[in-house]
Amino acid sequence: MSENPYDKNAAQTPGLRLVKNISYLFDEQFRIPGTRFRFGIDPLINLFPIFGDMTSFLVSSGLVLAMARKGASNKVVVLMCINILLDATFGAVPIVGQIFDFFFKANTRNLKLMREHYLENKHQGSGKNTVILVLVILFVIMILLGFALWKLGEWMLSWF
């Protein structure tokens, strides 16, 4: 992300100060010395199976709810929900999920979406087309996964 969603303009947008602070804590609070790489407590608490994933999901969901109450368009809310669902889904995979959490930073992405919505008037309108696209993609993935499992079952049965 080229722009810093934590800049002063984002902090002064009505209702975003608390969201900005929590997002920063979860995604950007710490820096690895000698690098520009930042991370927050999200990947750290996700080291605790189930508890950490649920905590992160609930906090991220609360942030989206707070932003929705502050006037986010339906499209922004849909995009934010996709971000937290991706974070929760991939973050729940052992080992890979912890690595994913260091890089994906759903709360930072959501804050950037909100900043673009308030300050740049992007992402206006309904999220209906986005929801339809996501549902179509999920349907195709489910069909491919079902086909792969069917072939795996055939292959396993061929051993007997």
Foldseek 3Di string as FASTA:
>chain_A
DPDQLLDPVLCPDPQCVVLSVVLCQQQFVDDDPPDRQGGHCLLVLLVDAPVSLVVQLVVLVVSLVSLVVVPDAQQLSVVLVVLSVVLSVQLNPPPSNSVCRSPSSSSRVSSVSSCCCPPVVPRHDHNVVVVVVVVVVVVVVVVVVVVVVVVVVVVVVVVD
